[in-house]
C-alpha atoms as a PDB file:
ATOM      1  CA  UNK A   1     -13.968  36.734 129.646  1.00  0.00           C
ATOM      2  CA  UNK A   2     -11.706  39.580 128.017  1.00  0.00           C
ATOM      3  CA  UNK A   3      -8.208  39.253 129.095  1.00  0.00           C
ATOM      4  CA  UNK A   4      -4.657  40.804 128.018  1.00  0.00           C
ATOM      5  CA  UNK A   5      -2.492  38.488 126.364  1.00  0.00           C
ATOM      6  CA  UNK A   6       1.278  39.275 126.478  1.00  0.00           C
ATOM      7  CA  UNK A   7       3.050  37.717 123.788  1.00  0.00           C
ATOM      8  CA  UNK A   8       6.966  37.392 124.644  1.00  0.00           C
ATOM      9  CA  UNK A   9       9.768  37.289 121.967  1.00  0.00           C
ATOM     10  CA  UNK A  10      11.226  33.554 121.381  1.00  0.00           C
ATOM     11  CA  UNK A  11      14.438  32.768 122.707  1.00  0.00           C
ATOM     12  CA  UNK A  12      13.556  29.029 123.005  1.00  0.00           C
ATOM     13  CA  UNK A  13      11.990  29.424 126.382  1.00  0.00           C
ATOM     14  CA  UNK A  14       8.831  27.385 127.449  1.00  0.00           C
ATOM     15  CA  UNK A  15       6.531  30.422 127.956  1.00  0.00           C
ATOM     16  CA  UNK A  16       5.714  32.319 124.788  1.00  0.00           C
ATOM     17  CA  UNK A  17       2.394  34.206 125.719  1.00  0.00           C
ATOM     18  CA  UNK A  18       0.995  35.073 129.211  1.00  0.00           C
ATOM     19  CA  UNK A  19      -2.801  36.137 129.548  1.00  0.00           C
ATOM     20  CA  UNK A  20      -3.457  38.295 132.309  1.00  0.00           C
ATOM     21  CA  UNK A  21      -6.810  39.319 133.717  1.00  0.00           C
ATOM     22  CA  UNK A  22      -7.793  43.073 134.770  1.00  0.00           C
ATOM     23  CA  UNK A  23      -6.037  43.017 138.019  1.00  0.00           C
ATOM     24  CA  UNK A  24      -2.691  41.906 136.236  1.00  0.00           C
ATOM     25  CA  UNK A  25      -2.810  38.375 137.740  1.00  0.00           C
ATOM     26  CA  UNK A  26      -1.319  35.737 135.376  1.00  0.00           C
ATOM     27  CA  UNK A  27      -4.579  33.197 134.894  1.00  0.00           C
ATOM     28  CA  UNK A  28      -2.690  31.109 131.763  1.00  0.00           C
ATOM     29  CA  UNK A  29       0.615  30.602 129.919  1.00  0.00           C
ATOM     30  CA  UNK A  30       1.441  29.022 126.879  1.00  0.00           C
ATOM     31  CA  UNK A  31       2.632  26.846 125.460  1.00  0.00           C
ATOM     32  CA  UNK A  32       3.758  25.640 128.659  1.00  0.00           C
ATOM     33  CA  UNK A  33       4.467  26.452 132.449  1.00  0.00           C
ATOM     34  CA  UNK A  34       1.023  27.349 133.113  1.00  0.00           C
ATOM     35  CA  UNK A  35       1.479  26.210 136.378  1.00  0.00           C
ATOM     36  CA  UNK A  36       4.765  28.043 137.002  1.00  0.00           C
ATOM     37  CA  UNK A  37       3.262  31.539 136.232  1.00  0.00           C
ATOM     38  CA  UNK A  38      -0.527  31.273 137.247  1.00  0.00           C
ATOM     39  CA  UNK A  39      -1.005  33.804 140.219  1.00  0.00           C
ATOM     40  CA  UNK A  40       1.922  35.797 139.233  1.00  0.00           C
ATOM     41  CA  UNK A  41       1.271  39.424 138.684  1.00  0.00           C
ATOM     42  CA  UNK A  42       2.243  41.715 135.512  1.00  0.00           C
ATOM     43  CA  UNK A  43       1.567  45.637 136.307  1.00  0.00           C
ATOM     44  CA  UNK A  44      -0.659  46.317 133.401  1.00  0.00           C
ATOM     45  CA  UNK A  45      -2.349  49.091 135.057  1.00  0.00           C
ATOM     46  CA  UNK A  46       0.867  51.031 135.651  1.00  0.00           C
ATOM     47  CA  UNK A  47       1.223  53.421 132.977  1.00  0.00           C
ATOM     48  CA  UNK A  48       4.563  53.032 130.362  1.00  0.00           C
ATOM     49  CA  UNK A  49       5.527  49.499 132.423  1.00  0.00           C
ATOM     50  CA  UNK A  50       4.258  46.944 130.087  1.00  0.00           C
ATOM     51  CA  UNK A  51       4.891  48.069 126.557  1.00  0.00           C
ATOM     52  CA  UNK A  52       6.153  46.413 123.364  1.00  0.00           C
ATOM     53  CA  UNK A  53       9.977  46.047 123.185  1.00  0.00           C
ATOM     54  CA  UNK A  54      10.647  46.372 126.850  1.00  0.00           C
ATOM     55  CA  UNK A  55      11.304  43.115 129.172  1.00  0.00           C
ATOM     56  CA  UNK A  56       8.105  42.227 130.489  1.00  0.00           C
ATOM     57  CA  UNK A  57       7.588  43.166 134.552  1.00  0.00           C
ATOM     58  CA  UNK A  58       6.429  40.533 136.745  1.00  0.00           C
ATOM     59  CA  UNK A  59       6.142  39.652 140.360  1.00  0.00           C
ATOM     60  CA  UNK A  60       6.229  36.164 141.144  1.00  0.00           C
ATOM     61  CA  UNK A  61       7.334  35.235 144.637  1.00  0.00           C
ATOM     62  CA  UNK A  62       9.284  33.715 145.786  1.00  0.00           C
ATOM     63  CA  UNK A  63      11.022  33.572 142.385  1.00  0.00           C
ATOM     64  CA  UNK A  64      10.907  36.989 141.117  1.00  0.00           C
ATOM     65  CA  UNK A  65      10.429  39.856 143.102  1.00  0.00           C
ATOM     66  CA  UNK A  66       9.479  42.742 141.255  1.00  0.00           C
ATOM     67  CA  UNK A  67      11.764  41.958 138.383  1.00  0.00           C
ATOM     68  CA  UNK A  68      11.490  41.102 134.947  1.00  0.00           C
ATOM     69  CA  UNK A  69      11.495  38.220 132.574  1.00  0.00           C
ATOM     70  CA  UNK A  70      14.614  38.130 130.422  1.00  0.00           C
ATOM     71  CA  UNK A  71      12.074  38.123 127.360  1.00  0.00           C
ATOM     72  CA  UNK A  72      10.921  41.295 125.643  1.00  0.00           C
ATOM     73  CA  UNK A  73       7.165  42.079 124.924  1.00  0.00           C
ATOM     74  CA  UNK A  74       6.621  41.153 121.211  1.00  0.00           C
ATOM     75  CA  UNK A  75       2.672  42.234 121.343  1.00  0.00           C
ATOM     76  CA  UNK A  76       0.320  43.153 123.632  1.00  0.00           C
ATOM     77  CA  UNK A  77      -3.779  42.511 122.780  1.00  0.00           C
ATOM     78  CA  UNK A  78      -7.022  42.029 124.362  1.00  0.00           C
ATOM     79  CA  UNK A  79      -8.515  38.756 123.481  1.00  0.00           C
ATOM     80  CA  UNK A  80     -11.396  36.676 124.629  1.00  0.00           C
ATOM     81  CA  UNK A  81     -10.264  33.992 126.963  1.00  0.00           C
ATOM     82  CA  UNK A  82     -12.426  30.594 127.140  1.00  0.00           C
ATOM     83  CA  UNK A  83     -11.638  29.367 130.840  1.00  0.00           C
ATOM     84  CA  UNK A  84     -12.791  25.630 129.661  1.00  0.00           C
ATOM     85  CA  UNK A  85      -9.617  25.572 127.390  1.00  0.00           C
ATOM     86  CA  UNK A  86      -7.139  26.642 130.433  1.00  0.00           C
ATOM     87  CA  UNK A  87      -3.992  24.792 130.605  1.00  0.00           C
ATOM     88  CA  UNK A  88      -2.745  23.296 134.121  1.00  0.00           C
END
């Protein structure tokens, strides 16, 4: 399945990449915290919101309500994602 991979700048945090489906829903996070971020929403369909160099916008109630992560986006790419290798 094709998904959007959002790579974040590395400031020592536990999550460096978010894998987002076509609806903007996070389906996995690497290398850690997949269970924390699964189900969060990244507005990939809203023009200009998700782009390299800006803090990653995300909605993950009750922790983040239409906010941003403190990490800038380093790369955005479409990748083939193997659901059978999903972390929990």
